[in-house]
């Protein structure tokens, strides 16, 4: 099954859950209903996919049928906050990437929250 078919099927299913046909849904988001049928074999631009995901309050990954689960999130592996803060991986909060100074502040807050070093 192609990603386009997943998108089409997911949009059709989500619209049905809201009691809408695909033509009704397409009018609500300002698209031609024929465009949605093209998603059986292709995927629209990210702006449209994002708009649809927001409309249905689902993730883009869910919408396109992605089932990729990162290795680090599988199983019993524990991800340490301090390892993340000290890594070169980009970290964001509220959609804004943390600077090095903000990473250090976050580490200080976590230390104060979890460990009372005065005892």
N, C-alpha and C. Protein backbone atom coordinates (compact mmCIF):
# COMPACT_ATOMS: atom_id res chain seq x y z
N UNK A 1 0.85 -1.18 0.00
CA UNK A 1 0.00 0.00 0.00
C UNK A 1 0.89 1.24 0.00
N UNK A 2 0.61 2.16 -0.89
CA UNK A 2 1.42 3.37 -0.96
C UNK A 2 1.02 4.35 0.12
N UNK A 3 1.92 5.31 0.40
CA UNK A 3 1.62 6.33 1.40
C UNK A 3 0.40 7.13 0.99
N UNK A 4 0.23 7.36 -0.32
CA UNK A 4 -0.94 8.09 -0.80
C UNK A 4 -2.23 7.38 -0.45
N UNK A 5 -2.24 6.05 -0.58
CA UNK A 5 -3.44 5.29 -0.23
C UNK A 5 -3.71 5.40 1.26
N UNK A 6 -2.66 5.38 2.08
CA UNK A 6 -2.87 5.54 3.51
C UNK A 6 -3.48 6.89 3.82
N UNK A 7 -2.98 7.94 3.20
CA UNK A 7 -3.51 9.28 3.42
C UNK A 7 -4.98 9.34 3.01
N UNK A 8 -5.27 8.89 1.83
CA UNK A 8 -6.65 8.91 1.35
C UNK A 8 -7.58 8.15 2.29
N UNK A 9 -7.20 6.92 2.63
CA UNK A 9 -8.03 6.10 3.50
C UNK A 9 -8.21 6.73 4.87
N UNK A 10 -7.12 7.29 5.41
CA UNK A 10 -7.21 7.92 6.73
C UNK A 10 -8.10 9.16 6.71
N UNK A 11 -7.98 9.98 5.69
CA UNK A 11 -8.83 11.17 5.58
C UNK A 11 -10.29 10.75 5.43
N UNK A 12 -10.54 9.76 4.61
CA UNK A 12 -11.90 9.27 4.41
C UNK A 12 -12.49 8.77 5.73
N UNK A 13 -11.70 8.01 6.48
CA UNK A 13 -12.16 7.48 7.76
C UNK A 13 -12.39 8.59 8.78
N UNK A 14 -11.47 9.53 8.87
CA UNK A 14 -11.62 10.64 9.82
C UNK A 14 -12.82 11.51 9.49
N UNK A 15 -13.04 11.75 8.21
CA UNK A 15 -14.20 12.54 7.79
C UNK A 15 -15.49 11.81 8.17
N UNK A 16 -15.51 10.51 7.94
CA UNK A 16 -16.71 9.72 8.26
C UNK A 16 -17.00 9.77 9.76
N UNK A 17 -15.95 9.74 10.58
CA UNK A 17 -16.14 9.84 12.03
C UNK A 17 -16.79 11.15 12.43
N UNK A 18 -16.55 12.18 11.63
CA UNK A 18 -17.18 13.47 11.90
C UNK A 18 -18.50 13.63 11.16
N UNK A 19 -18.94 12.53 10.53
CA UNK A 19 -20.23 12.55 9.84
C UNK A 19 -20.20 13.29 8.52
N UNK A 20 -19.04 13.33 7.87
CA UNK A 20 -18.90 14.06 6.61
C UNK A 20 -18.50 13.12 5.48
N UNK A 21 -18.93 13.46 4.29
CA UNK A 21 -18.44 12.80 3.10
C UNK A 21 -17.14 13.50 2.69
N UNK A 22 -16.40 12.90 1.79
CA UNK A 22 -15.18 13.55 1.32
C UNK A 22 -15.46 14.89 0.62
N UNK A 23 -16.49 15.00 -0.21
CA UNK A 23 -16.79 16.31 -0.80
C UNK A 23 -17.13 17.37 0.27
N UNK A 24 -17.85 16.98 1.32
CA UNK A 24 -18.16 17.92 2.40
C UNK A 24 -16.88 18.36 3.11
N UNK A 25 -16.02 17.40 3.39
CA UNK A 25 -14.76 17.73 4.04
C UNK A 25 -13.92 18.65 3.18
N UNK A 26 -13.82 18.35 1.90
CA UNK A 26 -12.99 19.17 1.01
C UNK A 26 -13.49 20.62 0.97
N UNK A 27 -14.80 20.81 1.00
CA UNK A 27 -15.34 22.19 1.04
C UNK A 27 -14.96 22.88 2.35
N UNK A 28 -14.99 22.15 3.46
CA UNK A 28 -14.66 22.75 4.76
C UNK A 28 -13.23 23.25 4.83
N UNK A 29 -12.32 22.55 4.14
CA UNK A 29 -10.93 22.99 4.20
C UNK A 29 -10.49 23.76 2.95
N UNK A 30 -11.43 23.97 2.05
CA UNK A 30 -11.15 24.81 0.88
C UNK A 30 -10.41 24.13 -0.25
N UNK A 31 -10.68 22.85 -0.46
CA UNK A 31 -10.07 22.11 -1.57
C UNK A 31 -11.14 21.57 -2.50
N UNK A 32 -10.76 21.34 -3.72
CA UNK A 32 -11.64 20.67 -4.67
C UNK A 32 -11.77 19.20 -4.25
N UNK A 33 -12.99 18.66 -4.32
CA UNK A 33 -13.15 17.27 -3.89
C UNK A 33 -12.39 16.30 -4.80
N UNK A 34 -12.14 16.70 -6.04
CA UNK A 34 -11.39 15.81 -6.93
C UNK A 34 -9.93 15.69 -6.51
N UNK A 35 -9.41 16.72 -5.84
CA UNK A 35 -8.02 16.69 -5.36
C UNK A 35 -7.84 15.55 -4.36
N UNK A 36 -8.79 15.39 -3.46
CA UNK A 36 -8.67 14.35 -2.44
C UNK A 36 -8.60 12.96 -3.07
N UNK A 37 -9.34 12.73 -4.14
CA UNK A 37 -9.31 11.42 -4.78
C UNK A 37 -7.94 11.13 -5.40
N UNK A 38 -7.19 12.17 -5.74
CA UNK A 38 -5.84 11.98 -6.29
C UNK A 38 -4.89 11.44 -5.21
N UNK A 39 -5.25 11.60 -3.94
CA UNK A 39 -4.40 11.14 -2.85
C UNK A 39 -4.37 9.62 -2.77
N UNK A 40 -5.16 8.94 -3.58
CA UNK A 40 -5.08 7.49 -3.63
C UNK A 40 -3.72 7.07 -4.17
N UNK A 41 -3.12 7.92 -5.01
CA UNK A 41 -1.85 7.57 -5.65
C UNK A 41 -0.74 8.58 -5.40
N UNK A 42 -1.05 9.67 -4.73
CA UNK A 42 -0.01 10.68 -4.48
C UNK A 42 -0.30 11.39 -3.16
N UNK A 43 0.69 12.12 -2.68
CA UNK A 43 0.54 12.85 -1.43
C UNK A 43 0.65 14.34 -1.74
N UNK A 44 -0.22 15.15 -1.17
CA UNK A 44 -0.14 16.60 -1.39
C UNK A 44 1.05 17.20 -0.65
N UNK A 45 1.28 18.47 -0.84
CA UNK A 45 2.36 19.17 -0.15
C UNK A 45 2.17 19.16 1.36
N UNK A 46 3.25 19.40 2.07
CA UNK A 46 3.24 19.35 3.53
C UNK A 46 2.28 20.36 4.13
N UNK A 47 2.10 21.51 3.48
CA UNK A 47 1.18 22.52 4.02
C UNK A 47 -0.24 21.99 4.09
N UNK A 48 -0.65 21.27 3.06
CA UNK A 48 -2.00 20.71 3.04
C UNK A 48 -2.12 19.57 4.04
N UNK A 49 -1.12 18.71 4.10
CA UNK A 49 -1.14 17.61 5.06
C UNK A 49 -1.20 18.15 6.48
N UNK A 50 -0.43 19.20 6.76
CA UNK A 50 -0.44 19.82 8.09
C UNK A 50 -1.81 20.41 8.40
N UNK A 51 -2.41 21.07 7.43
CA UNK A 51 -3.75 21.66 7.61
C UNK A 51 -4.78 20.58 7.95
N UNK A 52 -4.71 19.46 7.26
CA UNK A 52 -5.65 18.36 7.50
C UNK A 52 -5.40 17.74 8.88
N UNK A 53 -4.14 17.54 9.23
CA UNK A 53 -3.81 16.98 10.55
C UNK A 53 -4.34 17.87 11.65
N UNK A 54 -4.18 19.17 11.51
CA UNK A 54 -4.68 20.10 12.51
C UNK A 54 -6.21 20.08 12.56
N UNK A 55 -6.84 19.99 11.42
CA UNK A 55 -8.31 19.95 11.38
C UNK A 55 -8.84 18.76 12.17
N UNK A 56 -8.22 17.60 11.98
CA UNK A 56 -8.68 16.39 12.65
C UNK A 56 -8.00 16.17 14.01
N UNK A 57 -7.07 17.04 14.37
CA UNK A 57 -6.33 16.94 15.62
C UNK A 57 -5.60 15.59 15.74
N UNK A 58 -4.87 15.26 14.67
CA UNK A 58 -4.04 14.06 14.64
C UNK A 58 -2.64 14.47 14.19
N UNK A 59 -1.68 13.59 14.38
CA UNK A 59 -0.33 13.89 13.92
C UNK A 59 -0.22 13.66 12.41
N UNK A 60 0.75 14.30 11.80
CA UNK A 60 1.01 14.08 10.38
C UNK A 60 1.39 12.62 10.16
N UNK A 61 2.18 12.07 11.08
CA UNK A 61 2.59 10.67 10.96
C UNK A 61 1.39 9.74 10.92
N UNK A 62 0.42 9.99 11.80
CA UNK A 62 -0.79 9.17 11.81
C UNK A 62 -1.52 9.32 10.48
N UNK A 63 -1.63 10.56 10.03
CA UNK A 63 -2.40 10.85 8.82
C UNK A 63 -1.83 10.14 7.60
N UNK A 64 -0.53 10.10 7.47
CA UNK A 64 0.07 9.47 6.29
C UNK A 64 0.30 7.97 6.49
N UNK A 65 -0.05 7.48 7.67
CA UNK A 65 0.04 6.04 7.91
C UNK A 65 1.43 5.55 8.25
N UNK A 66 2.25 6.44 8.78
CA UNK A 66 3.60 6.03 9.17
C UNK A 66 3.54 5.24 10.46
N UNK A 67 4.22 4.14 10.48
CA UNK A 67 4.26 3.35 11.70
C UNK A 67 5.69 3.21 12.21
N UNK A 68 6.56 4.13 11.79
CA UNK A 68 7.95 4.09 12.21
C UNK A 68 8.05 4.46 13.69
N UNK A 69 8.68 3.58 14.46
CA UNK A 69 8.92 3.84 15.88
C UNK A 69 10.43 3.88 16.07
N UNK A 70 10.96 5.01 16.56
CA UNK A 70 12.41 5.09 16.74
C UNK A 70 12.92 4.01 17.69
N UNK A 71 14.12 3.52 17.41
CA UNK A 71 14.72 2.47 18.23
C UNK A 71 14.83 2.89 19.70
N UNK A 72 15.16 4.18 19.95
CA UNK A 72 15.36 4.60 21.32
C UNK A 72 14.09 4.54 22.15
N UNK A 73 12.92 4.47 21.50
CA UNK A 73 11.67 4.46 22.26
C UNK A 73 11.12 3.05 22.47
N UNK A 74 11.80 2.06 21.95
CA UNK A 74 11.32 0.68 22.06
C UNK A 74 11.82 0.02 23.33
N UNK A 75 11.06 -0.89 23.82
CA UNK A 75 11.48 -1.73 24.92
C UNK A 75 11.62 -1.02 26.24
N UNK A 76 12.52 -1.56 27.04
CA UNK A 76 12.69 -1.07 28.41
C UNK A 76 13.79 -0.04 28.55
N UNK A 77 14.33 0.41 27.43
CA UNK A 77 15.43 1.37 27.51
C UNK A 77 14.95 2.68 28.13
N UNK A 78 15.70 3.17 29.08
CA UNK A 78 15.38 4.43 29.74
C UNK A 78 16.26 5.52 29.14
N UNK A 79 15.65 6.61 28.77
CA UNK A 79 16.39 7.75 28.23
C UNK A 79 16.59 8.74 29.36
N UNK A 80 17.83 9.02 29.69
CA UNK A 80 18.17 9.92 30.78
C UNK A 80 18.08 11.37 30.34
N UNK A 81 17.41 12.21 31.16
CA UNK A 81 17.32 13.63 30.86
C UNK A 81 18.70 14.24 30.67
N UNK A 82 19.61 13.92 31.59
CA UNK A 82 20.92 14.55 31.52
C UNK A 82 21.66 14.17 30.24
N UNK A 83 21.48 12.95 29.76
CA UNK A 83 22.11 12.54 28.51
C UNK A 83 21.55 13.33 27.33
N UNK A 84 20.25 13.55 27.34
CA UNK A 84 19.63 14.33 26.27
C UNK A 84 20.12 15.77 26.31
N UNK A 85 20.13 16.35 27.51
CA UNK A 85 20.55 17.75 27.64
C UNK A 85 22.02 17.95 27.24
N UNK A 86 22.84 16.94 27.47
CA UNK A 86 24.28 17.06 27.15
C UNK A 86 24.59 16.62 25.72
N UNK A 87 23.62 16.06 25.03
CA UNK A 87 23.85 15.58 23.67
C UNK A 87 23.80 16.75 22.67
N UNK A 88 24.15 16.43 21.44
CA UNK A 88 24.06 17.42 20.36
C UNK A 88 22.70 17.37 19.66
N UNK A 89 21.80 16.54 20.15
CA UNK A 89 20.47 16.45 19.54
C UNK A 89 19.71 17.74 19.75
N UNK A 90 18.99 18.20 18.74
CA UNK A 90 18.17 19.39 18.95
C UNK A 90 17.03 19.07 19.92
N UNK A 91 16.81 19.97 20.87
CA UNK A 91 15.74 19.82 21.85
C UNK A 91 14.89 21.08 21.77
N UNK A 92 13.58 20.89 21.79
CA UNK A 92 12.71 22.06 21.76
C UNK A 92 11.71 21.99 22.90
N UNK A 93 11.19 23.14 23.24
CA UNK A 93 10.12 23.26 24.22
C UNK A 93 9.16 24.31 23.69
N UNK A 94 7.90 23.94 23.56
CA UNK A 94 6.93 24.87 23.01
C UNK A 94 7.22 25.22 21.56
N UNK A 95 7.89 24.31 20.84
CA UNK A 95 8.17 24.52 19.43
C UNK A 95 9.41 25.37 19.16
N UNK A 96 10.12 25.78 20.22
CA UNK A 96 11.32 26.60 20.05
C UNK A 96 12.52 25.81 20.52
N UNK A 97 13.55 25.74 19.66
CA UNK A 97 14.74 24.98 20.00
C UNK A 97 15.50 25.66 21.14
N UNK A 98 15.96 24.84 22.09
CA UNK A 98 16.69 25.36 23.23
C UNK A 98 18.12 25.73 22.84
N UNK A 99 18.58 26.85 23.39
CA UNK A 99 19.98 27.24 23.23
C UNK A 99 20.81 26.48 24.25
N UNK A 100 22.14 26.60 24.15
CA UNK A 100 23.02 25.95 25.13
C UNK A 100 22.75 26.47 26.54
N UNK A 101 22.51 27.75 26.66
CA UNK A 101 22.22 28.34 27.98
C UNK A 101 20.91 27.79 28.52
N UNK A 102 19.90 27.67 27.67
CA UNK A 102 18.61 27.13 28.12
C UNK A 102 18.72 25.65 28.49
N UNK A 103 19.56 24.91 27.80
CA UNK A 103 19.80 23.51 28.18
C UNK A 103 20.38 23.44 29.59
N UNK A 104 21.34 24.32 29.88
CA UNK A 104 21.97 24.35 31.20
C UNK A 104 20.94 24.74 32.27
N UNK A 105 20.08 25.71 31.95
CA UNK A 105 19.01 26.09 32.89
C UNK A 105 18.08 24.92 33.15
N UNK A 106 17.72 24.18 32.11
CA UNK A 106 16.84 23.03 32.27
C UNK A 106 17.49 21.98 33.17
N UNK A 107 18.78 21.77 32.97
CA UNK A 107 19.51 20.82 33.82
C UNK A 107 19.51 21.28 35.28
N UNK A 108 19.70 22.56 35.50
CA UNK A 108 19.69 23.12 36.86
C UNK A 108 18.32 22.94 37.50
N UNK A 109 17.26 23.20 36.75
CA UNK A 109 15.90 23.05 37.27
C UNK A 109 15.63 21.59 37.62
N UNK A 110 16.01 20.67 36.74
CA UNK A 110 15.79 19.25 37.01
C UNK A 110 16.57 18.80 38.24
N UNK A 111 17.81 19.26 38.37
CA UNK A 111 18.59 18.92 39.56
C UNK A 111 17.90 19.42 40.82
N UNK A 112 17.41 20.64 40.79
CA UNK A 112 16.73 21.20 41.96
C UNK A 112 15.43 20.47 42.25
N UNK A 113 14.75 20.04 41.21
CA UNK A 113 13.46 19.37 41.37
C UNK A 113 13.61 17.96 41.95
N UNK A 114 14.60 17.22 41.49
CA UNK A 114 14.71 15.82 41.86
C UNK A 114 15.70 15.51 42.98
N UNK A 115 16.67 16.37 43.21
CA UNK A 115 17.68 16.07 44.21
C UNK A 115 17.92 17.26 45.12
N UNK A 116 17.74 17.02 46.38
CA UNK A 116 18.05 18.04 47.37
C UNK A 116 19.48 17.80 47.81
N UNK A 117 20.39 18.58 47.25
CA UNK A 117 21.82 18.37 47.49
C UNK A 117 22.27 18.92 48.84
N UNK A 118 21.36 19.56 49.58
CA UNK A 118 21.74 20.12 50.88
C UNK A 118 21.66 19.07 51.98
N UNK A 119 21.11 17.90 51.69
CA UNK A 119 21.00 16.87 52.74
C UNK A 119 22.03 15.79 52.59
